[in-house]
């Protein structure tokens, strides 16, 4: 039986400092991401819902 690989979680500060998250307003993003770690997909989904961006943008 194959085991499903856990998605990689990154520290919130590292995500916010990355180029992929540079287009988000950093102060709002910090408030919207209060947990210490997120997957890329989790973080982008939360921010995109708030900032009303299309998925994959």
Protein backbone atom coordinates (compact mmCIF):
# COMPACT_ATOMS: atom_id res chain seq x y z
CA UNK A 1 0.00 0.00 0.00
CA UNK A 2 1.46 3.35 -1.03
CA UNK A 3 1.59 6.07 1.59
CA UNK A 4 0.42 9.52 0.68
CA UNK A 5 3.23 12.06 1.00
CA UNK A 6 2.56 14.92 3.40
CA UNK A 7 2.63 18.32 1.71
CA UNK A 8 5.61 20.46 2.64
CA UNK A 9 4.85 23.22 5.13
CA UNK A 10 6.87 26.42 5.24
CA UNK A 11 7.28 28.96 7.99
CA UNK A 12 4.88 31.86 7.52
CA UNK A 13 7.66 34.48 7.57
CA UNK A 14 9.58 32.58 4.88
CA UNK A 15 6.48 32.47 2.68
CA UNK A 16 5.81 36.19 3.10
CA UNK A 17 9.41 37.05 2.20
CA UNK A 18 9.37 34.89 -0.94
CA UNK A 19 8.89 36.29 -4.44
CA UNK A 20 5.66 34.31 -4.83
CA UNK A 21 4.01 36.32 -2.06
CA UNK A 22 5.55 39.73 -2.82
CA UNK A 23 2.38 40.96 -4.54
CA UNK A 24 0.33 40.69 -1.33
CA UNK A 25 0.11 43.54 1.18
CA UNK A 26 2.44 42.19 3.84
CA UNK A 27 0.68 43.65 6.91
CA UNK A 28 -2.65 42.12 5.90
CA UNK A 29 -1.02 38.84 4.93
CA UNK A 30 0.58 38.50 8.38
CA UNK A 31 -2.82 38.94 10.03
CA UNK A 32 -4.49 36.47 7.66
CA UNK A 33 -1.79 33.85 8.26
CA UNK A 34 -1.50 33.63 12.06
CA UNK A 35 -0.26 30.01 12.19
CA UNK A 36 3.49 29.33 12.24
CA UNK A 37 3.46 27.14 9.09
CA UNK A 38 1.42 26.63 5.91
CA UNK A 39 1.70 24.74 2.65
CA UNK A 40 2.00 26.97 -0.41
CA UNK A 41 -1.52 25.99 -1.46
CA UNK A 42 -3.04 26.75 1.96
CA UNK A 43 -1.41 30.16 2.21
CA UNK A 44 -2.29 31.22 -1.32
CA UNK A 45 -5.89 30.05 -0.92
CA UNK A 46 -6.35 32.09 2.27
CA UNK A 47 -4.76 35.21 0.79
CA UNK A 48 -6.54 34.91 -2.55
CA UNK A 49 -9.91 34.64 -0.81
CA UNK A 50 -9.25 37.85 1.10
CA UNK A 51 -7.61 39.79 -1.70
CA UNK A 52 -10.12 38.41 -4.26
CA UNK A 53 -7.50 37.10 -6.67
CA UNK A 54 -8.09 34.27 -9.10
CA UNK A 55 -6.55 30.89 -8.30
CA UNK A 56 -3.07 30.49 -9.71
CA UNK A 57 -2.53 34.24 -9.95
